[in-house]
C-alpha atoms as a PDB file:
ATOM      1  CA  UNK A   1       0.716  24.174   1.539  1.00  0.00           C
ATOM      2  CA  UNK A   2       2.136  26.532  -0.070  1.00  0.00           C
ATOM      3  CA  UNK A   3       4.391  27.028   2.865  1.00  0.00           C
ATOM      4  CA  UNK A   4       6.511  23.619   1.558  1.00  0.00           C
ATOM      5  CA  UNK A   5       6.749  24.477  -1.608  1.00  0.00           C
ATOM      6  CA  UNK A   6       7.182  20.822  -3.329  1.00  0.00           C
ATOM      7  CA  UNK A   7       5.054  21.430  -5.938  1.00  0.00           C
ATOM      8  CA  UNK A   8       7.296  22.079  -8.464  1.00  0.00           C
ATOM      9  CA  UNK A   9       9.781  19.986  -7.446  1.00  0.00           C
ATOM     10  CA  UNK A  10       7.383  16.893  -7.577  1.00  0.00           C
ATOM     11  CA  UNK A  11       5.999  18.271 -10.750  1.00  0.00           C
ATOM     12  CA  UNK A  12       9.491  17.779 -12.312  1.00  0.00           C
ATOM     13  CA  UNK A  13      10.289  14.663 -10.848  1.00  0.00           C
ATOM     14  CA  UNK A  14       6.892  13.234 -12.590  1.00  0.00           C
ATOM     15  CA  UNK A  15       7.892  14.844 -15.653  1.00  0.00           C
ATOM     16  CA  UNK A  16      11.756  12.600 -15.873  1.00  0.00           C
ATOM     17  CA  UNK A  17      10.337   9.480 -14.975  1.00  0.00           C
ATOM     18  CA  UNK A  18       7.551  10.490 -18.183  1.00  0.00           C
ATOM     19  CA  UNK A  19      10.546  11.090 -20.488  1.00  0.00           C
ATOM     20  CA  UNK A  20      11.927   7.889 -18.725  1.00  0.00           C
ATOM     21  CA  UNK A  21       8.870   6.006 -20.043  1.00  0.00           C
ATOM     22  CA  UNK A  22       9.306   7.451 -23.474  1.00  0.00           C
ATOM     23  CA  UNK A  23      12.741   7.006 -23.902  1.00  0.00           C
ATOM     24  CA  UNK A  24      12.218   3.410 -23.180  1.00  0.00           C
ATOM     25  CA  UNK A  25       9.281   2.962 -25.346  1.00  0.00           C
ATOM     26  CA  UNK A  26      10.767   4.464 -28.467  1.00  0.00           C
ATOM     27  CA  UNK A  27      14.344   2.007 -27.575  1.00  0.00           C
ATOM     28  CA  UNK A  28      11.784  -1.007 -28.034  1.00  0.00           C
ATOM     29  CA  UNK A  29      10.475  -2.856 -30.511  1.00  0.00           C
ATOM     30  CA  UNK A  30       8.223  -1.291 -33.581  1.00  0.00           C
ATOM     31  CA  UNK A  31       4.715  -1.395 -32.873  1.00  0.00           C
ATOM     32  CA  UNK A  32       4.240  -3.632 -35.939  1.00  0.00           C
ATOM     33  CA  UNK A  33       6.480  -6.391 -34.110  1.00  0.00           C
ATOM     34  CA  UNK A  34       4.403  -6.820 -31.132  1.00  0.00           C
ATOM     35  CA  UNK A  35       1.180  -6.798 -32.689  1.00  0.00           C
ATOM     36  CA  UNK A  36       2.167  -9.264 -34.588  1.00  0.00           C
ATOM     37  CA  UNK A  37       4.389 -11.217 -32.501  1.00  0.00           C
ATOM     38  CA  UNK A  38       1.423 -12.910 -30.133  1.00  0.00           C
ATOM     39  CA  UNK A  39       2.866 -10.445 -27.389  1.00  0.00           C
ATOM     40  CA  UNK A  40      -0.927  -9.227 -26.617  1.00  0.00           C
ATOM     41  CA  UNK A  41      -1.965  -5.649 -26.064  1.00  0.00           C
ATOM     42  CA  UNK A  42       0.905  -3.566 -27.273  1.00  0.00           C
ATOM     43  CA  UNK A  43      -0.104  -0.902 -24.409  1.00  0.00           C
ATOM     44  CA  UNK A  44       0.069  -3.830 -22.191  1.00  0.00           C
ATOM     45  CA  UNK A  45       4.047  -2.317 -21.807  1.00  0.00           C
ATOM     46  CA  UNK A  46       3.546   1.176 -21.468  1.00  0.00           C
ATOM     47  CA  UNK A  47       1.188   0.668 -18.543  1.00  0.00           C
ATOM     48  CA  UNK A  48       2.901  -1.210 -16.072  1.00  0.00           C
ATOM     49  CA  UNK A  49       6.105   1.229 -16.845  1.00  0.00           C
ATOM     50  CA  UNK A  50       4.312   4.400 -16.097  1.00  0.00           C
ATOM     51  CA  UNK A  51       3.330   3.846 -11.844  1.00  0.00           C
ATOM     52  CA  UNK A  52       6.820   1.794 -11.495  1.00  0.00           C
ATOM     53  CA  UNK A  53       8.520   4.559 -13.097  1.00  0.00           C
ATOM     54  CA  UNK A  54       6.687   7.716 -11.409  1.00  0.00           C
ATOM     55  CA  UNK A  55       6.993   5.655  -7.767  1.00  0.00           C
ATOM     56  CA  UNK A  56      11.675   5.155  -8.635  1.00  0.00           C
ATOM     57  CA  UNK A  57      11.504   9.063  -9.574  1.00  0.00           C
ATOM     58  CA  UNK A  58       9.193  10.144  -6.377  1.00  0.00           C
ATOM     59  CA  UNK A  59      10.339   7.374  -4.042  1.00  0.00           C
ATOM     60  CA  UNK A  60      12.794   8.434  -1.036  1.00  0.00           C
ATOM     61  CA  UNK A  61      13.101  12.106  -2.295  1.00  0.00           C
ATOM     62  CA  UNK A  62      13.226  15.222  -0.374  1.00  0.00           C
ATOM     63  CA  UNK A  63      12.827  18.863  -0.666  1.00  0.00           C
ATOM     64  CA  UNK A  64      13.733  21.056   2.044  1.00  0.00           C
ATOM     65  CA  UNK A  65      11.115  19.804   4.903  1.00  0.00           C
ATOM     66  CA  UNK A  66       8.637  17.974   2.456  1.00  0.00           C
ATOM     67  CA  UNK A  67       9.267  14.231   2.162  1.00  0.00           C
ATOM     68  CA  UNK A  68       8.470  11.548  -0.285  1.00  0.00           C
ATOM     69  CA  UNK A  69       7.235   8.387  -0.367  1.00  0.00           C
ATOM     70  CA  UNK A  70       5.623   6.554  -3.739  1.00  0.00           C
ATOM     71  CA  UNK A  71       4.363   3.090  -3.961  1.00  0.00           C
ATOM     72  CA  UNK A  72       2.946   1.325  -7.096  1.00  0.00           C
ATOM     73  CA  UNK A  73       0.424  -2.223  -6.771  1.00  0.00           C
ATOM     74  CA  UNK A  74      -0.929  -4.378  -8.738  1.00  0.00           C
ATOM     75  CA  UNK A  75      -4.339  -5.505  -7.988  1.00  0.00           C
ATOM     76  CA  UNK A  76      -4.535  -8.862  -6.355  1.00  0.00           C
ATOM     77  CA  UNK A  77      -7.412  -9.910  -8.752  1.00  0.00           C
ATOM     78  CA  UNK A  78      -7.290 -12.909 -10.357  1.00  0.00           C
ATOM     79  CA  UNK A  79      -5.759 -11.538 -14.109  1.00  0.00           C
ATOM     80  CA  UNK A  80      -7.746 -14.453 -16.022  1.00  0.00           C
ATOM     81  CA  UNK A  81     -10.940 -13.414 -14.852  1.00  0.00           C
ATOM     82  CA  UNK A  82      -9.797  -9.503 -15.067  1.00  0.00           C
ATOM     83  CA  UNK A  83     -12.053  -7.735 -18.414  1.00  0.00           C
ATOM     84  CA  UNK A  84      -9.874  -5.464 -21.229  1.00  0.00           C
ATOM     85  CA  UNK A  85     -12.391  -3.310 -20.134  1.00  0.00           C
ATOM     86  CA  UNK A  86     -11.112  -2.784 -17.048  1.00  0.00           C
ATOM     87  CA  UNK A  87      -9.751   0.675 -15.729  1.00  0.00           C
ATOM     88  CA  UNK A  88      -5.861   0.452 -15.781  1.00  0.00           C
ATOM     89  CA  UNK A  89      -4.728   2.685 -13.179  1.00  0.00           C
ATOM     90  CA  UNK A  90      -5.615   4.975  -9.956  1.00  0.00           C
ATOM     91  CA  UNK A  91      -3.374   7.088  -8.444  1.00  0.00           C
ATOM     92  CA  UNK A  92      -3.739   8.563  -5.122  1.00  0.00           C
ATOM     93  CA  UNK A  93      -2.240  11.674  -3.567  1.00  0.00           C
ATOM     94  CA  UNK A  94      -2.016  12.169   0.384  1.00  0.00           C
ATOM     95  CA  UNK A  95      -0.519  15.176   1.791  1.00  0.00           C
ATOM     96  CA  UNK A  96      -0.186  14.844   5.272  1.00  0.00           C
ATOM     97  CA  UNK A  97       1.729  18.380   6.591  1.00  0.00           C
ATOM     98  CA  UNK A  98       1.160  20.575   9.678  1.00  0.00           C
ATOM     99  CA  UNK A  99      -2.606  22.410   9.746  1.00  0.00           C
ATOM    100  CA  UNK A 100      -3.178  20.370   6.681  1.00  0.00           C
ATOM    101  CA  UNK A 101      -3.897  16.039   5.417  1.00  0.00           C
ATOM    102  CA  UNK A 102      -5.788  15.408   2.717  1.00  0.00           C
ATOM    103  CA  UNK A 103      -6.195  12.043   0.363  1.00  0.00           C
ATOM    104  CA  UNK A 104      -7.561  12.559  -3.248  1.00  0.00           C
ATOM    105  CA  UNK A 105      -7.314  10.371  -6.174  1.00  0.00           C
ATOM    106  CA  UNK A 106      -7.873  10.121  -9.969  1.00  0.00           C
ATOM    107  CA  UNK A 107      -8.323   7.492 -12.448  1.00  0.00           C
ATOM    108  CA  UNK A 108      -6.357   7.024 -16.137  1.00  0.00           C
ATOM    109  CA  UNK A 109      -5.758   4.704 -18.836  1.00  0.00           C
ATOM    110  CA  UNK A 110      -2.590   4.702 -20.181  1.00  0.00           C
ATOM    111  CA  UNK A 111      -2.088   3.855 -23.944  1.00  0.00           C
ATOM    112  CA  UNK A 112       1.528   3.481 -26.712  1.00  0.00           C
ATOM    113  CA  UNK A 113       0.589   6.514 -29.136  1.00  0.00           C
ATOM    114  CA  UNK A 114       2.399   4.420 -31.836  1.00  0.00           C
ATOM    115  CA  UNK A 115      -0.041   1.901 -31.580  1.00  0.00           C
ATOM    116  CA  UNK A 116      -3.026   3.702 -31.651  1.00  0.00           C
ATOM    117  CA  UNK A 117      -2.744   3.632 -35.338  1.00  0.00           C
ATOM    118  CA  UNK A 118      -3.583  -0.067 -35.609  1.00  0.00           C
ATOM    119  CA  UNK A 119      -7.857  -0.215 -35.550  1.00  0.00           C
ATOM    120  CA  UNK A 120      -7.601  -3.493 -32.943  1.00  0.00           C
ATOM    121  CA  UNK A 121      -6.147  -0.996 -30.646  1.00  0.00           C
ATOM    122  CA  UNK A 122      -6.978   1.971 -31.189  1.00  0.00           C
ATOM    123  CA  UNK A 123      -9.620   4.383 -28.769  1.00  0.00           C
ATOM    124  CA  UNK A 124     -12.244   3.569 -31.108  1.00  0.00           C
ATOM    125  CA  UNK A 125     -11.643   0.213 -30.816  1.00  0.00           C
ATOM    126  CA  UNK A 126     -14.928  -1.795 -28.594  1.00  0.00           C
ATOM    127  CA  UNK A 127     -13.058  -2.837 -25.653  1.00  0.00           C
ATOM    128  CA  UNK A 128     -11.320   0.442 -25.244  1.00  0.00           C
ATOM    129  CA  UNK A 129     -14.381   2.837 -25.753  1.00  0.00           C
ATOM    130  CA  UNK A 130     -15.541   0.966 -23.285  1.00  0.00           C
ATOM    131  CA  UNK A 131     -13.013   1.088 -20.592  1.00  0.00           C
ATOM    132  CA  UNK A 132     -13.136   4.575 -21.271  1.00  0.00           C
ATOM    133  CA  UNK A 133     -16.986   4.612 -19.949  1.00  0.00           C
ATOM    134  CA  UNK A 134     -16.191   2.287 -17.412  1.00  0.00           C
ATOM    135  CA  UNK A 135     -13.352   4.593 -16.183  1.00  0.00           C
ATOM    136  CA  UNK A 136     -15.668   8.167 -16.640  1.00  0.00           C
ATOM    137  CA  UNK A 137     -18.414   6.139 -14.511  1.00  0.00           C
ATOM    138  CA  UNK A 138     -15.257   6.021 -11.314  1.00  0.00           C
ATOM    139  CA  UNK A 139     -15.098   9.673 -11.288  1.00  0.00           C
ATOM    140  CA  UNK A 140     -14.713  12.730 -13.853  1.00  0.00           C
ATOM    141  CA  UNK A 141     -11.354  12.944 -12.860  1.00  0.00           C
ATOM    142  CA  UNK A 142     -10.130  10.820 -15.465  1.00  0.00           C
ATOM    143  CA  UNK A 143      -7.447  10.846 -18.050  1.00  0.00           C
ATOM    144  CA  UNK A 144      -5.658   9.242 -20.432  1.00  0.00           C
ATOM    145  CA  UNK A 145      -2.150   8.903 -20.934  1.00  0.00           C
ATOM    146  CA  UNK A 146      -0.661   8.720 -23.873  1.00  0.00           C
ATOM    147  CA  UNK A 147       2.977   8.029 -24.206  1.00  0.00           C
ATOM    148  CA  UNK A 148       4.364   9.377 -27.133  1.00  0.00           C
ATOM    149  CA  UNK A 149       7.888   9.917 -28.078  1.00  0.00           C
ATOM    150  CA  UNK A 150       8.953  12.109 -25.876  1.00  0.00           C
ATOM    151  CA  UNK A 151       7.015  12.320 -22.780  1.00  0.00           C
ATOM    152  CA  UNK A 152       3.851  10.674 -21.358  1.00  0.00           C
ATOM    153  CA  UNK A 153       0.826  13.404 -23.108  1.00  0.00           C
ATOM    154  CA  UNK A 154      -2.375  13.650 -20.214  1.00  0.00           C
ATOM    155  CA  UNK A 155      -5.821  14.442 -22.133  1.00  0.00           C
ATOM    156  CA  UNK A 156      -9.287  14.519 -20.268  1.00  0.00           C
ATOM    157  CA  UNK A 157     -11.453  11.195 -20.676  1.00  0.00           C
ATOM    158  CA  UNK A 158     -14.059  12.734 -21.230  1.00  0.00           C
ATOM    159  CA  UNK A 159     -13.234  15.116 -24.271  1.00  0.00           C
ATOM    160  CA  UNK A 160     -11.774  11.723 -25.985  1.00  0.00           C
ATOM    161  CA  UNK A 161     -15.009  10.055 -25.688  1.00  0.00           C
ATOM    162  CA  UNK A 162     -16.636  13.064 -26.960  1.00  0.00           C
ATOM    163  CA  UNK A 163     -14.960  12.882 -30.545  1.00  0.00           C
ATOM    164  CA  UNK A 164     -17.081  11.046 -32.582  1.00  0.00           C
ATOM    165  CA  UNK A 165     -14.926  10.285 -35.146  1.00  0.00           C
ATOM    166  CA  UNK A 166     -12.973   6.970 -34.822  1.00  0.00           C
ATOM    167  CA  UNK A 167      -9.454   8.600 -36.472  1.00  0.00           C
ATOM    168  CA  UNK A 168      -9.767  11.306 -34.339  1.00  0.00           C
ATOM    169  CA  UNK A 169      -9.141   8.922 -31.679  1.00  0.00           C
ATOM    170  CA  UNK A 170      -5.872   7.187 -33.541  1.00  0.00           C
ATOM    171  CA  UNK A 171      -4.271  10.610 -31.751  1.00  0.00           C
ATOM    172  CA  UNK A 172      -5.962  11.943 -29.183  1.00  0.00           C
ATOM    173  CA  UNK A 173      -2.934  13.682 -27.877  1.00  0.00           C
ATOM    174  CA  UNK A 174      -3.332  15.673 -30.958  1.00  0.00           C
ATOM    175  CA  UNK A 175      -6.707  16.256 -31.840  1.00  0.00           C
ATOM    176  CA  UNK A 176      -7.444  17.765 -28.341  1.00  0.00           C
ATOM    177  CA  UNK A 177      -6.013  19.717 -25.592  1.00  0.00           C
ATOM    178  CA  UNK A 178      -3.400  18.499 -23.451  1.00  0.00           C
ATOM    179  CA  UNK A 179      -0.578  18.541 -20.423  1.00  0.00           C
ATOM    180  CA  UNK A 180       2.975  17.588 -19.652  1.00  0.00           C
ATOM    181  CA  UNK A 181       2.723  14.507 -16.727  1.00  0.00           C
ATOM    182  CA  UNK A 182       4.632  16.441 -14.790  1.00  0.00           C
ATOM    183  CA  UNK A 183       2.326  19.746 -14.765  1.00  0.00           C
ATOM    184  CA  UNK A 184      -0.399  17.392 -14.490  1.00  0.00           C
ATOM    185  CA  UNK A 185       0.911  16.138 -11.212  1.00  0.00           C
ATOM    186  CA  UNK A 186       1.481  19.664 -10.343  1.00  0.00           C
ATOM    187  CA  UNK A 187      -2.474  20.683 -10.599  1.00  0.00           C
ATOM    188  CA  UNK A 188      -3.313  17.442  -8.788  1.00  0.00           C
ATOM    189  CA  UNK A 189      -0.718  18.239  -5.520  1.00  0.00           C
ATOM    190  CA  UNK A 190      -2.196  21.564  -5.900  1.00  0.00           C
ATOM    191  CA  UNK A 191      -6.058  20.529  -5.651  1.00  0.00           C
ATOM    192  CA  UNK A 192      -7.453  21.721  -9.240  1.00  0.00           C
ATOM    193  CA  UNK A 193      -7.718  18.053 -10.673  1.00  0.00           C
ATOM    194  CA  UNK A 194      -8.275  14.659  -8.153  1.00  0.00           C
ATOM    195  CA  UNK A 195     -11.855  13.941  -6.316  1.00  0.00           C
ATOM    196  CA  UNK A 196     -11.363  12.645  -2.777  1.00  0.00           C
ATOM    197  CA  UNK A 197     -14.504  11.069  -3.066  1.00  0.00           C
ATOM    198  CA  UNK A 198     -13.016   8.699  -4.700  1.00  0.00           C
ATOM    199  CA  UNK A 199      -9.849   8.135  -2.253  1.00  0.00           C
ATOM    200  CA  UNK A 200      -8.649   5.382   0.010  1.00  0.00           C
ATOM    201  CA  UNK A 201      -8.550   6.033   3.481  1.00  0.00           C
ATOM    202  CA  UNK A 202      -5.072   6.576   4.179  1.00  0.00           C
ATOM    203  CA  UNK A 203      -3.577   7.888   7.434  1.00  0.00           C
ATOM    204  CA  UNK A 204      -0.229   9.724   8.099  1.00  0.00           C
ATOM    205  CA  UNK A 205       0.251   6.924  10.897  1.00  0.00           C
ATOM    206  CA  UNK A 206      -0.093   3.920   8.664  1.00  0.00           C
ATOM    207  CA  UNK A 207       3.268   1.995   7.706  1.00  0.00           C
ATOM    208  CA  UNK A 208       4.716   1.312   4.062  1.00  0.00           C
ATOM    209  CA  UNK A 209       3.171  -2.149   4.348  1.00  0.00           C
ATOM    210  CA  UNK A 210      -0.084  -0.856   5.747  1.00  0.00           C
ATOM    211  CA  UNK A 211      -0.412   1.516   2.941  1.00  0.00           C
ATOM    212  CA  UNK A 212       0.446  -0.926   0.484  1.00  0.00           C
ATOM    213  CA  UNK A 213      -2.053  -3.327   1.436  1.00  0.00           C
ATOM    214  CA  UNK A 214      -4.902  -0.433   1.465  1.00  0.00           C
ATOM    215  CA  UNK A 215      -3.707   0.377  -1.610  1.00  0.00           C
ATOM    216  CA  UNK A 216      -4.088  -3.080  -3.245  1.00  0.00           C
ATOM    217  CA  UNK A 217      -7.458  -3.005  -1.588  1.00  0.00           C
ATOM    218  CA  UNK A 218      -9.054  -0.051  -3.091  1.00  0.00           C
ATOM    219  CA  UNK A 219      -7.422  -0.637  -6.410  1.00  0.00           C
ATOM    220  CA  UNK A 220      -9.526  -4.544  -5.963  1.00  0.00           C
ATOM    221  CA  UNK A 221     -12.954  -2.861  -5.138  1.00  0.00           C
ATOM    222  CA  UNK A 222     -12.259   0.255  -7.928  1.00  0.00           C
ATOM    223  CA  UNK A 223     -11.803  -2.899 -10.298  1.00  0.00           C
ATOM    224  CA  UNK A 224      -8.369  -1.090 -11.167  1.00  0.00           C
ATOM    225  CA  UNK A 225      -5.714  -3.351 -12.435  1.00  0.00           C
ATOM    226  CA  UNK A 226      -2.970  -0.668 -10.841  1.00  0.00           C
ATOM    227  CA  UNK A 227      -2.322   1.806  -8.110  1.00  0.00           C
ATOM    228  CA  UNK A 228       0.035   4.419  -7.374  1.00  0.00           C
ATOM    229  CA  UNK A 229      -0.013   6.224  -4.305  1.00  0.00           C
ATOM    230  CA  UNK A 230       2.275   9.580  -3.174  1.00  0.00           C
ATOM    231  CA  UNK A 231       2.323  10.743  -0.118  1.00  0.00           C
ATOM    232  CA  UNK A 232       4.270  14.044   1.042  1.00  0.00           C
ATOM    233  CA  UNK A 233       4.827  14.394   5.073  1.00  0.00           C
ATOM    234  CA  UNK A 234       6.724  17.773   6.122  1.00  0.00           C
ATOM    235  CA  UNK A 235       7.323  17.776  10.512  1.00  0.00           C
ATOM    236  CA  UNK A 236       8.782  21.494  10.571  1.00  0.00           C
ATOM    237  CA  UNK A 237       7.017  24.760   9.630  1.00  0.00           C
ATOM    238  CA  UNK A 238       8.822  27.291   6.882  1.00  0.00           C
ATOM    239  CA  UNK A 239       8.593  30.747   5.662  1.00  0.00           C
ATOM    240  CA  UNK A 240       5.639  32.418   3.299  1.00  0.00           C
ATOM    241  CA  UNK A 241       6.963  31.097  -0.087  1.00  0.00           C
ATOM    242  CA  UNK A 242       8.421  33.972  -2.184  1.00  0.00           C
ATOM    243  CA  UNK A 243       8.423  33.877  -6.588  1.00  0.00           C
ATOM    244  CA  UNK A 244      11.828  33.295  -6.117  1.00  0.00           C
ATOM    245  CA  UNK A 245      10.623  29.675  -5.205  1.00  0.00           C
ATOM    246  CA  UNK A 246       8.666  29.321  -7.544  1.00  0.00           C
ATOM    247  CA  UNK A 247      10.945  29.392 -10.329  1.00  0.00           C
ATOM    248  CA  UNK A 248      13.814  27.643  -8.880  1.00  0.00           C
END
């Protein structure tokens, strides 16, 4: 895939989405207001925003011969019966370029960093802790997306689950090693993270509607509340990438 030189470009688009989510979250009401207002789970806003914002920043973009499609869906499962411990996001990357075809996935839990200080909504709370366990039961390629003040931080779910001090779970992106969201997606597309065994059966021949249907079915079968799919396609070969291509 190195031939098509799109990894840094995609990472930059996703990182711009990361910063937009953080900025919009910072402009919203203070966490105390959300928690006491009866609005429910204070993490719900960022959980909805992350996949939608990434899709908005990526869908329809291109880099040289590479073209991107991004689709975000919510599960059709009955929301009244959905458990608070259900994992909330599955992400699929589908590369379909000459001489290379792969569909791989990961799962994630998204939280608002400002709400984690409240014990009722921290990652040490019983439901949140069980959700981490369910996330890791799907695949080891599981992550916690912490929406901070400036960007989304990515922490391995297994590292968060290993924290035995409840207070440290209030700021896992500071207590543990984390990556920027854009860099995480670069590693995802490069194949350093991702699990092909959990990914849905997507095809380059699928229409957008068919991809959306398959993605929603996958989310339901995996007990995911939302799913995001990014597909990169290319029809022509390019020359071998040079060092300059990676610093642009």
